[in-house]
Amino acid sequence: MPDRRMMNQPETATSQMDRLRGRSDFQELADGSHRMDNFNTPPQPTFDSEEMRGSMQAILSQNIGEYVVVEFLIGTEQIIRKQGMLYFVGRSFVTLYDENVNNFIVCDIFSVKFVYFYMPGDRPRYNYNLLPPISGEPGMNGTRPR
């Protein structure tokens, strides 16, 4: 009989990535690049050169598969948050995978200020990927742009 504690274990970063790799639409190509749905990523770079050791890119690339909330500084005063599974880290961008809506979010690495890592199975209470409505969009109390 399986151990009940093992049945209720939250997913780890490895198991989350394994679940994605097991999807019928996921392909890992010979050069190390990936394709899932209609989204392609290049091979994951290594950040082991002296100038990249300890960089944000190196830290993030060591944690691919983890669930994160990333805060970006937009301009000089506005913070925007995005959340999802850390899917890919490039030299100038990071990609999050939002499993709830099956979307990829590609983000500028140079505007990243803070990254929150969640314990396995934990998630934020708010969905930071929802964009605020813009006046004139359908469902905005009938207001229209003038």
N, C-alpha and C. Protein backbone atom coordinates (compact mmCIF):
# COMPACT_ATOMS: atom_id res chain seq x y z
N MET A 1 0.85 -1.18 0.00
CA MET A 1 0.00 0.00 0.00
C MET A 1 0.89 1.24 0.00
N PRO A 2 0.62 2.26 -0.87
CA PRO A 2 1.47 3.44 -0.91
C PRO A 2 1.35 4.26 0.36
N ASP A 3 2.43 4.91 0.71
CA ASP A 3 2.49 5.79 1.87
C ASP A 3 1.61 7.02 1.60
N ARG A 4 0.63 7.31 2.49
CA ARG A 4 -0.28 8.44 2.29
C ARG A 4 0.48 9.76 2.22
N ARG A 5 1.56 9.86 2.97
CA ARG A 5 2.33 11.12 2.94
C ARG A 5 2.89 11.36 1.55
N MET A 6 3.29 10.32 0.85
CA MET A 6 3.87 10.47 -0.48
C MET A 6 2.79 10.87 -1.49
N MET A 7 1.56 10.42 -1.29
CA MET A 7 0.48 10.72 -2.23
C MET A 7 0.11 12.19 -2.19
N ASN A 8 0.29 12.86 -1.05
CA ASN A 8 -0.10 14.25 -0.90
C ASN A 8 1.07 15.21 -1.04
N GLN A 9 2.19 14.74 -1.50
CA GLN A 9 3.35 15.60 -1.65
C GLN A 9 3.13 16.62 -2.76
N PRO A 10 3.49 17.89 -2.52
CA PRO A 10 3.38 18.88 -3.58
C PRO A 10 4.40 18.62 -4.68
N GLU A 11 4.10 19.13 -5.85
CA GLU A 11 5.02 18.94 -6.97
C GLU A 11 6.31 19.72 -6.75
N THR A 12 7.40 19.14 -7.17
CA THR A 12 8.68 19.83 -7.14
C THR A 12 8.93 20.45 -8.50
N ALA A 13 9.95 21.29 -8.59
CA ALA A 13 10.30 21.91 -9.87
C ALA A 13 10.58 20.84 -10.92
N THR A 14 11.26 19.77 -10.53
CA THR A 14 11.58 18.71 -11.46
C THR A 14 10.32 18.03 -11.96
N SER A 15 9.38 17.75 -11.04
CA SER A 15 8.16 17.06 -11.46
C SER A 15 7.29 17.97 -12.34
N GLN A 16 7.31 19.28 -12.09
CA GLN A 16 6.55 20.20 -12.94
C GLN A 16 7.12 20.21 -14.35
N MET A 17 8.43 20.28 -14.49
CA MET A 17 9.05 20.27 -15.81
C MET A 17 8.84 18.92 -16.48
N ASP A 18 8.91 17.84 -15.70
CA ASP A 18 8.67 16.50 -16.27
C ASP A 18 7.25 16.39 -16.81
N ARG A 19 6.28 16.99 -16.09
CA ARG A 19 4.91 16.97 -16.57
C ARG A 19 4.80 17.72 -17.91
N LEU A 20 5.48 18.84 -18.04
CA LEU A 20 5.47 19.57 -19.32
C LEU A 20 6.14 18.75 -20.41
N ARG A 21 7.27 18.14 -20.08
CA ARG A 21 7.99 17.31 -21.08
C ARG A 21 7.15 16.12 -21.52
N GLY A 22 6.24 15.67 -20.67
CA GLY A 22 5.39 14.54 -21.00
C GLY A 22 4.19 14.89 -21.86
N ARG A 23 3.96 16.18 -22.08
CA ARG A 23 2.83 16.57 -22.92
C ARG A 23 3.07 16.16 -24.37
N SER A 24 2.01 15.84 -25.06
CA SER A 24 2.14 15.38 -26.45
C SER A 24 2.63 16.51 -27.38
N ASP A 25 2.43 17.77 -26.99
CA ASP A 25 2.85 18.88 -27.85
C ASP A 25 4.24 19.43 -27.47
N PHE A 26 4.93 18.79 -26.52
CA PHE A 26 6.27 19.24 -26.13
C PHE A 26 7.31 18.48 -26.94
N GLN A 27 8.23 19.22 -27.52
CA GLN A 27 9.34 18.61 -28.26
C GLN A 27 10.65 19.18 -27.75
N GLU A 28 11.61 18.31 -27.51
CA GLU A 28 12.97 18.74 -27.21
C GLU A 28 13.81 18.34 -28.41
N LEU A 29 14.35 19.34 -29.09
CA LEU A 29 15.08 19.09 -30.33
C LEU A 29 16.53 18.74 -30.04
N ALA A 30 17.22 18.20 -31.03
CA ALA A 30 18.59 17.71 -30.86
C ALA A 30 19.55 18.79 -30.38
N ASP A 31 19.33 20.05 -30.76
CA ASP A 31 20.24 21.13 -30.35
C ASP A 31 19.94 21.64 -28.94
N GLY A 32 18.95 21.04 -28.25
CA GLY A 32 18.61 21.46 -26.90
C GLY A 32 17.49 22.49 -26.84
N SER A 33 17.01 22.93 -27.98
CA SER A 33 15.90 23.87 -27.99
C SER A 33 14.60 23.12 -27.71
N HIS A 34 13.56 23.87 -27.35
CA HIS A 34 12.26 23.28 -27.02
C HIS A 34 11.17 23.91 -27.85
N ARG A 35 10.11 23.13 -28.04
CA ARG A 35 8.90 23.62 -28.69
C ARG A 35 7.72 23.04 -27.93
N MET A 36 6.79 23.93 -27.55
CA MET A 36 5.56 23.48 -26.92
C MET A 36 4.44 24.36 -27.45
N ASP A 37 3.36 23.74 -27.88
CA ASP A 37 2.32 24.45 -28.60
C ASP A 37 2.99 25.14 -29.79
N ASN A 38 2.84 26.42 -29.92
CA ASN A 38 3.50 27.16 -31.00
C ASN A 38 4.62 28.04 -30.48
N PHE A 39 5.16 27.72 -29.31
CA PHE A 39 6.19 28.54 -28.68
C PHE A 39 7.53 27.81 -28.74
N ASN A 40 8.55 28.49 -29.23
CA ASN A 40 9.88 27.91 -29.37
C ASN A 40 10.87 28.63 -28.47
N THR A 41 11.78 27.88 -27.87
CA THR A 41 12.88 28.49 -27.12
C THR A 41 14.19 27.92 -27.65
N PRO A 42 15.23 28.74 -27.61
CA PRO A 42 16.55 28.25 -28.02
C PRO A 42 17.11 27.32 -26.94
N PRO A 43 18.26 26.72 -27.18
CA PRO A 43 18.89 25.91 -26.13
C PRO A 43 19.15 26.77 -24.89
N GLN A 44 18.98 26.18 -23.73
CA GLN A 44 19.22 26.90 -22.48
C GLN A 44 20.71 27.21 -22.35
N PRO A 45 21.09 28.50 -22.27
CA PRO A 45 22.52 28.82 -22.11
C PRO A 45 23.00 28.45 -20.71
N THR A 46 24.29 28.22 -20.60
CA THR A 46 24.89 28.02 -19.28
C THR A 46 25.46 29.36 -18.86
N PHE A 47 25.37 29.65 -17.62
CA PHE A 47 25.85 30.94 -17.10
C PHE A 47 27.03 30.69 -16.15
N ASP A 48 27.96 29.84 -16.61
CA ASP A 48 29.07 29.47 -15.75
C ASP A 48 30.35 30.24 -16.04
N SER A 49 30.30 31.24 -16.92
CA SER A 49 31.48 32.07 -17.14
C SER A 49 31.69 32.96 -15.92
N GLU A 50 32.90 33.44 -15.75
CA GLU A 50 33.22 34.23 -14.56
C GLU A 50 32.32 35.45 -14.41
N GLU A 51 32.05 36.14 -15.51
CA GLU A 51 31.24 37.36 -15.41
C GLU A 51 29.76 37.07 -15.15
N MET A 52 29.28 35.85 -15.43
CA MET A 52 27.87 35.52 -15.23
C MET A 52 27.61 34.77 -13.92
N ARG A 53 28.66 34.24 -13.28
CA ARG A 53 28.46 33.53 -12.01
C ARG A 53 27.87 34.47 -10.98
N GLY A 54 26.79 34.05 -10.33
CA GLY A 54 26.15 34.87 -9.31
C GLY A 54 25.21 35.92 -9.87
N SER A 55 25.04 35.95 -11.18
CA SER A 55 24.14 36.93 -11.79
C SER A 55 22.69 36.49 -11.61
N MET A 56 21.78 37.42 -11.87
CA MET A 56 20.35 37.08 -11.81
C MET A 56 20.05 35.93 -12.78
N GLN A 57 20.64 35.97 -13.99
CA GLN A 57 20.41 34.91 -14.96
C GLN A 57 20.88 33.56 -14.43
N ALA A 58 22.04 33.53 -13.81
CA ALA A 58 22.57 32.27 -13.27
C ALA A 58 21.68 31.72 -12.17
N ILE A 59 21.26 32.58 -11.25
CA ILE A 59 20.39 32.14 -10.16
C ILE A 59 19.07 31.60 -10.70
N LEU A 60 18.47 32.34 -11.63
CA LEU A 60 17.19 31.90 -12.18
C LEU A 60 17.34 30.60 -12.96
N SER A 61 18.40 30.48 -13.75
CA SER A 61 18.56 29.27 -14.57
C SER A 61 18.76 28.02 -13.71
N GLN A 62 19.28 28.19 -12.50
CA GLN A 62 19.44 27.05 -11.59
C GLN A 62 18.12 26.65 -10.94
N ASN A 63 17.08 27.45 -11.15
CA ASN A 63 15.80 27.19 -10.53
C ASN A 63 14.67 27.02 -11.53
N ILE A 64 15.00 26.61 -12.75
CA ILE A 64 13.97 26.37 -13.76
C ILE A 64 13.00 25.31 -13.25
N GLY A 65 11.72 25.54 -13.45
CA GLY A 65 10.68 24.64 -12.97
C GLY A 65 10.04 25.12 -11.69
N GLU A 66 10.65 26.07 -11.01
CA GLU A 66 10.08 26.60 -9.77
C GLU A 66 8.96 27.59 -10.08
N TYR A 67 8.01 27.71 -9.16
CA TYR A 67 6.94 28.68 -9.30
C TYR A 67 7.41 30.00 -8.69
N VAL A 68 7.27 31.08 -9.45
CA VAL A 68 7.79 32.37 -9.01
C VAL A 68 6.79 33.49 -9.28
N VAL A 69 6.96 34.57 -8.53
CA VAL A 69 6.36 35.86 -8.84
C VAL A 69 7.54 36.79 -9.05
N VAL A 70 7.54 37.48 -10.19
CA VAL A 70 8.65 38.37 -10.54
C VAL A 70 8.12 39.80 -10.54
N GLU A 71 8.86 40.70 -9.90
CA GLU A 71 8.51 42.12 -9.91
C GLU A 71 9.43 42.85 -10.88
N PHE A 72 8.81 43.64 -11.75
CA PHE A 72 9.54 44.42 -12.75
C PHE A 72 9.34 45.91 -12.47
N LEU A 73 10.42 46.67 -12.59
CA LEU A 73 10.30 48.12 -12.48
C LEU A 73 10.08 48.68 -13.87
N ILE A 74 8.94 49.35 -14.04
CA ILE A 74 8.58 49.95 -15.32
C ILE A 74 8.72 51.46 -15.13
N GLY A 75 9.60 52.09 -15.89
CA GLY A 75 9.87 53.52 -15.69
C GLY A 75 10.63 53.71 -14.39
N THR A 76 10.23 54.74 -13.64
CA THR A 76 10.93 55.02 -12.38
C THR A 76 10.09 54.74 -11.14
N GLU A 77 8.79 54.46 -11.32
CA GLU A 77 7.94 54.32 -10.14
C GLU A 77 6.97 53.15 -10.18
N GLN A 78 6.75 52.52 -11.30
CA GLN A 78 5.70 51.50 -11.40
C GLN A 78 6.30 50.10 -11.32
N ILE A 79 5.73 49.30 -10.42
CA ILE A 79 6.11 47.88 -10.29
C ILE A 79 4.99 47.05 -10.89
N ILE A 80 5.36 46.11 -11.76
CA ILE A 80 4.42 45.16 -12.35
C ILE A 80 4.87 43.78 -11.91
N ARG A 81 3.91 42.92 -11.56
CA ARG A 81 4.22 41.55 -11.16
C ARG A 81 3.69 40.58 -12.20
N LYS A 82 4.46 39.53 -12.43
CA LYS A 82 4.03 38.41 -13.27
C LYS A 82 4.37 37.14 -12.51
N GLN A 83 3.59 36.10 -12.74
CA GLN A 83 3.80 34.85 -12.03
C GLN A 83 3.70 33.67 -12.97
N GLY A 84 4.31 32.58 -12.56
CA GLY A 84 4.23 31.35 -13.33
C GLY A 84 5.43 30.47 -13.02
N MET A 85 5.49 29.36 -13.73
CA MET A 85 6.62 28.46 -13.59
C MET A 85 7.78 29.03 -14.40
N LEU A 86 8.94 29.09 -13.80
CA LEU A 86 10.14 29.54 -14.49
C LEU A 86 10.47 28.51 -15.57
N TYR A 87 10.31 28.91 -16.82
CA TYR A 87 10.41 27.97 -17.94
C TYR A 87 11.74 28.06 -18.67
N PHE A 88 12.27 29.27 -18.85
CA PHE A 88 13.50 29.45 -19.61
C PHE A 88 14.17 30.74 -19.16
N VAL A 89 15.51 30.74 -19.17
CA VAL A 89 16.27 31.95 -18.83
C VAL A 89 17.28 32.18 -19.93
N GLY A 90 17.19 33.33 -20.56
CA GLY A 90 18.16 33.73 -21.57
C GLY A 90 19.05 34.84 -21.03
N ARG A 91 19.94 35.33 -21.85
CA ARG A 91 20.83 36.41 -21.42
C ARG A 91 20.08 37.72 -21.17
N SER A 92 19.02 37.98 -21.93
CA SER A 92 18.32 39.25 -21.79
C SER A 92 16.83 39.09 -21.49
N PHE A 93 16.38 37.87 -21.29
CA PHE A 93 14.96 37.67 -21.01
C PHE A 93 14.76 36.43 -20.15
N VAL A 94 13.58 36.36 -19.57
CA VAL A 94 13.17 35.19 -18.80
C VAL A 94 11.76 34.84 -19.27
N THR A 95 11.45 33.55 -19.33
CA THR A 95 10.13 33.11 -19.77
C THR A 95 9.44 32.38 -18.63
N LEU A 96 8.21 32.81 -18.36
CA LEU A 96 7.36 32.16 -17.37
C LEU A 96 6.27 31.40 -18.11
N TYR A 97 5.84 30.29 -17.54
CA TYR A 97 4.73 29.53 -18.11
C TYR A 97 3.56 29.60 -17.14
N ASP A 98 2.45 30.15 -17.60
CA ASP A 98 1.23 30.25 -16.81
C ASP A 98 0.34 29.07 -17.18
N GLU A 99 0.42 28.02 -16.39
CA GLU A 99 -0.27 26.77 -16.69
C GLU A 99 -1.80 26.93 -16.68
N ASN A 100 -2.31 27.85 -15.84
CA ASN A 100 -3.76 28.03 -15.74
C ASN A 100 -4.39 28.41 -17.07
N VAL A 101 -3.69 29.18 -17.88
CA VAL A 101 -4.24 29.63 -19.16
C VAL A 101 -3.40 29.15 -20.34
N ASN A 102 -2.37 28.33 -20.06
CA ASN A 102 -1.51 27.77 -21.10
C ASN A 102 -0.85 28.86 -21.94
N ASN A 103 -0.28 29.86 -21.24
CA ASN A 103 0.41 30.97 -21.90
C ASN A 103 1.87 31.03 -21.46
N PHE A 104 2.68 31.55 -22.34
CA PHE A 104 4.07 31.86 -22.02
C PHE A 104 4.19 33.37 -21.90
N ILE A 105 4.96 33.83 -20.93
CA ILE A 105 5.18 35.25 -20.72
C ILE A 105 6.68 35.48 -20.83
N VAL A 106 7.10 36.22 -21.84
CA VAL A 106 8.52 36.53 -22.02
C VAL A 106 8.76 37.91 -21.43
N CYS A 107 9.74 38.01 -20.54
CA CYS A 107 9.95 39.22 -19.75
C CYS A 107 11.39 39.70 -19.89
N ASP A 108 11.57 41.01 -19.85
CA ASP A 108 12.88 41.65 -19.91
C ASP A 108 13.64 41.40 -18.61
N ILE A 109 14.80 40.77 -18.68
CA ILE A 109 15.56 40.45 -17.47
C ILE A 109 16.11 41.70 -16.79
N PHE A 110 16.34 42.76 -17.56
CA PHE A 110 17.00 43.94 -17.01
C PHE A 110 16.05 44.82 -16.20
N SER A 111 14.75 44.57 -16.27
CA SER A 111 13.81 45.32 -15.42
C SER A 111 13.38 44.50 -14.20
N VAL A 112 13.90 43.27 -14.06
CA VAL A 112 13.58 42.44 -12.89
C VAL A 112 14.25 43.05 -11.66
N LYS A 113 13.43 43.25 -10.62
CA LYS A 113 13.97 43.78 -9.36
C LYS A 113 13.93 42.75 -8.25
N PHE A 114 12.83 41.98 -8.18
CA PHE A 114 12.69 40.97 -7.12
C PHE A 114 12.04 39.73 -7.70
N VAL A 115 12.45 38.57 -7.18
CA VAL A 115 11.84 37.30 -7.58
C VAL A 115 11.47 36.56 -6.30
N TYR A 116 10.20 36.19 -6.20
CA TYR A 116 9.69 35.44 -5.06
C TYR A 116 9.56 33.98 -5.47
N PHE A 117 10.20 33.10 -4.72
CA PHE A 117 10.12 31.67 -4.96
C PHE A 117 9.13 31.09 -3.96
N TYR A 118 8.24 30.24 -4.45
CA TYR A 118 7.22 29.64 -3.60
C TYR A 118 7.60 28.22 -3.25
N MET A 119 7.22 27.81 -2.06
CA MET A 119 7.43 26.43 -1.63
C MET A 119 6.60 25.53 -2.53
N PRO A 120 7.02 24.29 -2.74
CA PRO A 120 6.26 23.38 -3.61
C PRO A 120 4.79 23.32 -3.19
N GLY A 121 3.91 23.51 -4.17
CA GLY A 121 2.48 23.47 -3.93
C GLY A 121 1.87 24.79 -3.52
N ASP A 122 2.67 25.73 -3.01
CA ASP A 122 2.15 27.04 -2.63
C ASP A 122 2.02 27.93 -3.86
N ARG A 123 1.03 28.80 -3.83
CA ARG A 123 0.81 29.75 -4.91
C ARG A 123 0.37 31.08 -4.30
N PRO A 124 0.59 32.18 -4.99
CA PRO A 124 0.11 33.47 -4.46
C PRO A 124 -1.41 33.49 -4.41
N ARG A 125 -1.95 34.33 -3.56
CA ARG A 125 -3.41 34.41 -3.42
C ARG A 125 -4.06 35.21 -4.53
N TYR A 126 -3.28 35.98 -5.25
CA TYR A 126 -3.80 36.85 -6.30
C TYR A 126 -3.15 36.46 -7.62
N ASN A 127 -3.89 36.57 -8.72
CA ASN A 127 -3.33 36.28 -10.04
C ASN A 127 -2.73 37.57 -10.61
N TYR A 128 -1.42 37.68 -10.55
CA TYR A 128 -0.73 38.89 -11.00
C TYR A 128 -0.65 38.99 -12.52
N ASN A 129 -1.04 37.95 -13.23
CA ASN A 129 -0.97 38.01 -14.69
C ASN A 129 -2.19 38.69 -15.31
N LEU A 130 -3.22 38.95 -14.52
CA LEU A 130 -4.39 39.65 -15.04
C LEU A 130 -4.03 41.10 -15.29
N LEU A 131 -4.27 41.55 -16.48
CA LEU A 131 -4.00 42.94 -16.81
C LEU A 131 -5.16 43.81 -16.34
N PRO A 132 -4.87 45.02 -15.87
CA PRO A 132 -5.97 45.90 -15.48
C PRO A 132 -6.77 46.29 -16.72
N PRO A 133 -8.08 46.41 -16.58
CA PRO A 133 -8.89 46.79 -17.74
C PRO A 133 -8.55 48.20 -18.21
N ILE A 134 -8.67 48.40 -19.50
CA ILE A 134 -8.41 49.71 -20.10
C ILE A 134 -9.75 50.28 -20.52
N SER A 135 -9.97 51.53 -20.23
CA SER A 135 -11.24 52.18 -20.57
C SER A 135 -11.54 51.98 -22.05
N GLY A 136 -12.76 51.57 -22.33
CA GLY A 136 -13.17 51.36 -23.71
C GLY A 136 -13.15 49.91 -24.12
N GLU A 137 -12.54 49.03 -23.32
CA GLU A 137 -12.56 47.61 -23.65
C GLU A 137 -13.95 47.05 -23.39
N PRO A 138 -14.34 46.01 -24.10
CA PRO A 138 -15.64 45.38 -23.83
C PRO A 138 -15.74 45.00 -22.34
N GLY A 139 -16.89 45.25 -21.76
CA GLY A 139 -17.11 44.93 -20.36
C GLY A 139 -16.72 46.04 -19.41
N MET A 140 -16.37 47.20 -19.93
CA MET A 140 -15.95 48.33 -19.09
C MET A 140 -17.10 49.31 -18.87
N ASN A 141 -18.25 48.82 -18.44
CA ASN A 141 -19.40 49.65 -18.11
C ASN A 141 -19.87 50.51 -19.27
N GLY A 142 -19.70 50.01 -20.49
CA GLY A 142 -20.23 50.70 -21.64
C GLY A 142 -19.46 51.94 -22.06
N THR A 143 -18.33 52.22 -21.43
CA THR A 143 -17.56 53.40 -21.83
C THR A 143 -16.83 53.11 -23.11
N ARG A 144 -16.73 54.10 -23.93
CA ARG A 144 -16.05 53.95 -25.22
C ARG A 144 -15.02 55.05 -25.37
N PRO A 145 -13.91 54.75 -26.06
CA PRO A 145 -12.93 55.80 -26.27
C PRO A 145 -13.52 56.90 -27.15
N ARG A 146 -13.15 58.12 -26.90
CA ARG A 146 -13.66 59.27 -27.67
C ARG A 146 -12.59 59.81 -28.57
